[in-house]
Amino acid sequence: MPDARMTDKDKPYQAIPCSTHSDYELAIMQHRQLQLVWRGQNNIEHISRLRPLDLITEKHAEYLLAQDHLGQSLKIRLDYIRQYRILS
């Protein structure tokens, strides 16, 4: 039986708007938290307040490296982020 989980390989990366990318970079430089809504593994929607650390490119896709309130490291593909808000 095929694996029903969605992986990064299942969907080609869709570039995000430059203005959104700039907002992420600014949040990183200013050490501001982000409120994110994103689709994760198994197509599960996540909502969390995160501390953005860096943006990276890997295998033709861009990712946000972040930490949650427990200090857990996260790597979120940018085109899987549905909503974001920069917090003070």
C-alpha atoms as a PDB file:
ATOM      1  CA  MET A   1       0.000   0.000   0.000  1.00  0.00           C
ATOM      2  CA  PRO A   2       1.418   3.471  -0.883  1.00  0.00           C
ATOM      3  CA  ASP A   3       2.485   5.817   1.898  1.00  0.00           C
ATOM      4  CA  ALA A   4      -0.205   8.491   2.364  1.00  0.00           C
ATOM      5  CA  ARG A   5       2.120  11.000   4.026  1.00  0.00           C
ATOM      6  CA  MET A   6       2.971  14.119   2.065  1.00  0.00           C
ATOM      7  CA  THR A   7       6.688  14.726   1.751  1.00  0.00           C
ATOM      8  CA  ASP A   8       8.653  17.643   0.323  1.00  0.00           C
ATOM      9  CA  LYS A   9       9.355  15.513  -2.764  1.00  0.00           C
ATOM     10  CA  ASP A  10       5.631  15.148  -3.549  1.00  0.00           C
ATOM     11  CA  LYS A  11       5.126  18.768  -4.516  1.00  0.00           C
ATOM     12  CA  PRO A  12       7.521  21.059  -6.379  1.00  0.00           C
ATOM     13  CA  TYR A  13       8.531  24.136  -4.402  1.00  0.00           C
ATOM     14  CA  GLN A  14       6.489  27.241  -5.197  1.00  0.00           C
ATOM     15  CA  ALA A  15       8.456  30.470  -4.734  1.00  0.00           C
ATOM     16  CA  ILE A  16       6.979  32.853  -2.183  1.00  0.00           C
ATOM     17  CA  PRO A  17       6.574  36.608  -2.751  1.00  0.00           C
ATOM     18  CA  CYS A  18       9.757  38.648  -2.246  1.00  0.00           C
ATOM     19  CA  SER A  19       7.935  40.849   0.274  1.00  0.00           C
ATOM     20  CA  THR A  20       7.129  37.808   2.440  1.00  0.00           C
ATOM     21  CA  HIS A  21      10.732  36.612   2.262  1.00  0.00           C
ATOM     22  CA  SER A  22      11.853  40.113   3.300  1.00  0.00           C
ATOM     23  CA  ASP A  23       9.451  40.061   6.259  1.00  0.00           C
ATOM     24  CA  TYR A  24      10.986  36.786   7.462  1.00  0.00           C
ATOM     25  CA  GLU A  25      14.509  38.200   7.098  1.00  0.00           C
ATOM     26  CA  LEU A  26      13.527  41.330   9.030  1.00  0.00           C
ATOM     27  CA  ALA A  27      11.979  39.271  11.857  1.00  0.00           C
ATOM     28  CA  ILE A  28      15.210  37.268  12.089  1.00  0.00           C
ATOM     29  CA  MET A  29      17.441  40.366  12.158  1.00  0.00           C
ATOM     30  CA  GLN A  30      15.244  42.172  14.710  1.00  0.00           C
ATOM     31  CA  HIS A  31      14.831  39.070  16.925  1.00  0.00           C
ATOM     32  CA  ARG A  32      11.042  39.289  16.656  1.00  0.00           C
ATOM     33  CA  GLN A  33       8.728  36.328  17.031  1.00  0.00           C
ATOM     34  CA  LEU A  34       6.414  35.086  14.309  1.00  0.00           C
ATOM     35  CA  GLN A  35       2.902  33.698  14.634  1.00  0.00           C
ATOM     36  CA  LEU A  36       2.733  31.043  11.897  1.00  0.00           C
ATOM     37  CA  VAL A  37       0.101  28.784  10.425  1.00  0.00           C
ATOM     38  CA  TRP A  38       1.633  26.059   8.262  1.00  0.00           C
ATOM     39  CA  ARG A  39       0.937  22.650   6.815  1.00  0.00           C
ATOM     40  CA  GLY A  40       3.282  20.028   8.160  1.00  0.00           C
ATOM     41  CA  GLN A  41       3.898  16.333   7.729  1.00  0.00           C
ATOM     42  CA  ASN A  42       0.772  14.281   6.952  1.00  0.00           C
ATOM     43  CA  ASN A  43      -0.852  17.535   5.812  1.00  0.00           C
ATOM     44  CA  ILE A  44      -1.541  18.517   9.457  1.00  0.00           C
ATOM     45  CA  GLU A  45      -2.056  22.234  10.086  1.00  0.00           C
ATOM     46  CA  HIS A  46       0.057  23.798  12.834  1.00  0.00           C
ATOM     47  CA  ILE A  47      -0.378  27.155  14.558  1.00  0.00           C
ATOM     48  CA  SER A  48       2.463  28.371  16.726  1.00  0.00           C
ATOM     49  CA  ARG A  49       4.465  31.320  17.974  1.00  0.00           C
ATOM     50  CA  LEU A  50       8.081  30.801  16.903  1.00  0.00           C
ATOM     51  CA  ARG A  51      11.464  32.477  17.111  1.00  0.00           C
ATOM     52  CA  PRO A  52      12.856  32.636  13.547  1.00  0.00           C
ATOM     53  CA  LEU A  53      16.583  31.861  13.342  1.00  0.00           C
ATOM     54  CA  ASP A  54      17.567  31.604   9.684  1.00  0.00           C
ATOM     55  CA  LEU A  55      16.427  31.016   6.114  1.00  0.00           C
ATOM     56  CA  ILE A  56      18.111  28.255   4.116  1.00  0.00           C
ATOM     57  CA  THR A  57      17.889  26.735   0.658  1.00  0.00           C
ATOM     58  CA  GLU A  58      18.040  22.972   0.362  1.00  0.00           C
ATOM     59  CA  LYS A  59      17.202  20.698  -2.578  1.00  0.00           C
ATOM     60  CA  HIS A  60      15.640  23.548  -4.619  1.00  0.00           C
ATOM     61  CA  ALA A  61      13.338  24.672  -1.769  1.00  0.00           C
ATOM     62  CA  GLU A  62      13.555  27.381   0.892  1.00  0.00           C
ATOM     63  CA  TYR A  63      13.060  26.758   4.606  1.00  0.00           C
ATOM     64  CA  LEU A  64      12.657  28.752   7.794  1.00  0.00           C
ATOM     65  CA  LEU A  65      14.713  27.482  10.725  1.00  0.00           C
ATOM     66  CA  ALA A  66      12.981  28.367  13.990  1.00  0.00           C
ATOM     67  CA  GLN A  67      12.512  27.432  17.636  1.00  0.00           C
ATOM     68  CA  ASP A  68       9.244  26.974  19.480  1.00  0.00           C
ATOM     69  CA  HIS A  69       8.549  27.994  23.104  1.00  0.00           C
ATOM     70  CA  LEU A  70      10.018  24.678  24.346  1.00  0.00           C
ATOM     71  CA  GLY A  71      13.278  25.233  22.465  1.00  0.00           C
ATOM     72  CA  GLN A  72      12.434  22.588  19.840  1.00  0.00           C
ATOM     73  CA  SER A  73      14.119  23.224  16.493  1.00  0.00           C
ATOM     74  CA  LEU A  74      11.848  23.374  13.450  1.00  0.00           C
ATOM     75  CA  LYS A  75      12.515  23.473   9.712  1.00  0.00           C
ATOM     76  CA  ILE A  76       9.446  24.725   7.823  1.00  0.00           C
ATOM     77  CA  ARG A  77       9.242  24.835   4.055  1.00  0.00           C
ATOM     78  CA  LEU A  78       8.321  28.413   3.135  1.00  0.00           C
ATOM     79  CA  ASP A  79       5.624  27.510   0.613  1.00  0.00           C
ATOM     80  CA  TYR A  80       3.836  25.443   3.292  1.00  0.00           C
ATOM     81  CA  ILE A  81       3.306  28.534   5.458  1.00  0.00           C
ATOM     82  CA  ARG A  82      -0.305  29.657   5.015  1.00  0.00           C
ATOM     83  CA  GLN A  83      -0.312  32.739   7.264  1.00  0.00           C
ATOM     84  CA  TYR A  84       2.200  34.694   9.260  1.00  0.00           C
ATOM     85  CA  ARG A  85       2.254  37.686  11.557  1.00  0.00           C
ATOM     86  CA  ILE A  86       5.300  39.460  12.967  1.00  0.00           C
ATOM     87  CA  LEU A  87       4.886  39.998  16.707  1.00  0.00           C
ATOM     88  CA  SER A  88       6.376  42.781  18.813  1.00  0.00           C
END
